[in-house]
Protein backbone atom coordinates (compact mmCIF):
# COMPACT_ATOMS: atom_id res chain seq x y z
CA MET A 1 -67.02 -7.79 22.78
CA THR A 2 -63.46 -9.55 23.59
CA THR A 3 -63.35 -12.48 25.19
CA PRO A 4 -62.40 -11.55 28.93
CA GLN A 5 -65.29 -9.07 28.88
CA VAL A 6 -67.59 -12.41 27.71
CA VAL A 7 -66.34 -14.47 30.68
CA LEU A 8 -66.50 -10.95 32.95
CA TYR A 9 -70.41 -10.55 32.09
CA THR A 10 -71.16 -14.02 32.28
CA VAL A 11 -69.57 -14.12 35.60
CA LEU A 12 -72.11 -11.56 36.65
CA VAL A 13 -74.96 -13.11 35.38
CA LEU A 14 -74.36 -16.12 36.92
CA VAL A 15 -73.32 -14.86 40.31
CA ASN A 16 -76.60 -12.68 40.95
CA VAL A 17 -79.04 -15.59 38.98
CA MET A 18 -77.71 -17.62 42.07
CA ALA A 19 -77.95 -15.37 44.45
CA MET A 20 -81.48 -14.29 43.62
CA LEU A 21 -82.48 -18.25 43.25
CA ALA A 22 -81.49 -18.87 46.77
CA TRP A 23 -83.20 -15.65 48.20
CA VAL A 24 -86.00 -16.80 46.79
CA ALA A 25 -85.76 -20.65 48.00
CA VAL A 26 -84.72 -19.17 51.67
CA ALA A 27 -87.84 -16.78 50.96
CA ARG A 28 -90.31 -19.29 50.26
CA ARG A 29 -89.07 -22.25 53.33
CA ARG A 30 -89.19 -19.28 55.67
CA GLN A 31 -92.86 -18.31 54.94
CA LEU A 32 -91.60 -14.48 55.51
CA ARG A 33 -94.05 -12.49 57.57
CA GLU A 34 -93.63 -9.29 55.98
CA ARG A 35 -93.90 -8.37 52.49
CA ALA A 36 -92.18 -5.07 50.67
CA SER A 37 -94.29 -2.29 50.42
CA TRP A 38 -94.52 0.11 47.78
CA ALA A 39 -92.65 2.46 50.03
CA ASP A 40 -89.96 0.14 50.43
CA GLY A 41 -89.57 0.44 46.41
CA VAL A 42 -89.55 3.92 46.56
CA ILE A 43 -86.69 4.15 49.54
CA GLY A 44 -84.65 0.95 47.29
CA ALA A 45 -85.14 3.32 44.15
CA VAL A 46 -84.04 6.68 45.47
CA THR A 47 -81.65 5.23 47.77
CA ASN A 48 -79.86 3.32 44.73
CA PHE A 49 -80.09 6.45 42.42
CA LEU A 50 -78.39 8.44 45.39
CA ASP A 51 -75.08 4.89 45.32
CA THR A 52 -75.21 5.63 41.72
CA LEU A 53 -74.17 9.05 42.09
CA GLY A 54 -70.93 7.94 44.92
CA ILE A 55 -73.53 8.94 47.91
CA GLY A 56 -73.77 5.81 49.32
CA SER A 57 -76.65 3.69 50.02
CA TYR A 58 -76.80 1.71 53.41
CA ALA A 59 -76.80 4.45 55.29
CA GLN A 60 -79.44 6.41 54.04
CA ILE A 61 -81.46 2.81 54.10
CA THR A 62 -81.05 1.92 57.56
CA ALA A 63 -82.12 5.45 58.37
CA LEU A 64 -85.33 5.10 56.81
CA PHE A 65 -86.31 1.63 58.33
CA LYS A 66 -85.55 3.18 61.63
CA LEU A 67 -87.84 6.29 61.28
CA ARG A 68 -90.25 3.81 59.60
CA GLY A 69 -90.35 1.02 62.52
CA ARG A 70 -89.78 -1.56 59.78
CA PRO A 71 -87.99 -3.70 58.95
CA ALA A 72 -86.73 -5.22 62.71
CA ASP A 73 -83.34 -4.24 63.91
CA GLU A 74 -82.17 -7.82 63.71
CA LEU A 75 -83.15 -7.84 59.81
CA ILE A 76 -81.49 -4.70 59.03
CA PRO A 77 -78.66 -5.90 57.58
CA GLY A 78 -79.57 -9.03 55.76
CA THR A 79 -82.16 -6.71 54.22
CA LEU A 80 -79.69 -4.61 52.85
CA ASN A 81 -77.79 -6.84 51.49
CA VAL A 82 -80.74 -8.93 49.66
CA GLY A 83 -82.14 -5.48 48.37
CA SER A 84 -79.08 -3.96 47.17
CA THR A 85 -78.01 -7.33 44.80
CA LEU A 86 -79.96 -6.56 41.98
CA PRO A 87 -79.73 -2.83 41.91
CA ALA A 88 -76.12 -3.44 42.07
CA PHE A 89 -75.78 -5.98 39.57
CA VAL A 90 -77.95 -4.05 36.68
CA GLY A 91 -75.63 -0.85 37.11
CA SER A 92 -72.66 -3.43 36.78
CA LEU A 93 -73.52 -4.40 33.48
CA LEU A 94 -74.62 -0.39 32.67
CA PHE A 95 -71.43 0.65 33.75
CA PHE A 96 -69.05 -2.01 32.32
CA GLY A 97 -71.09 -1.31 28.54
CA ALA A 98 -71.25 2.18 28.89
CA ILE A 99 -67.89 3.38 30.22
CA PRO A 100 -64.87 2.05 27.69
CA VAL A 101 -61.41 0.63 30.18
CA GLU A 102 -58.32 -0.09 28.57
CA PRO A 103 -57.76 -3.78 28.87
CA ALA A 104 -54.76 -3.82 29.53
CA LEU A 105 -53.23 -1.67 32.38
CA ARG A 106 -49.84 -0.57 32.02
């Protein structure tokens, strides 16, 4: 593994760990009323898989949230950002490791 790759992976891990720690701190401080259910997990898994295929996930997640009436409309943007952090992080590590890219573009 080259030095730029190590730097990239290190930065990705640090940024995402900090984002997750910040989310946990805010969730504990605000004592959130609603907890994620198994249906939320299924929605996230299916839509993030579709996102990996290039379809996108925010529109589908928003539509499914609106159909279920949960979470409240004002919480949807933040929920989308927080809920997509971990899958995007894992996906980026997998793609960076699996797809060879020429380091120097000409």
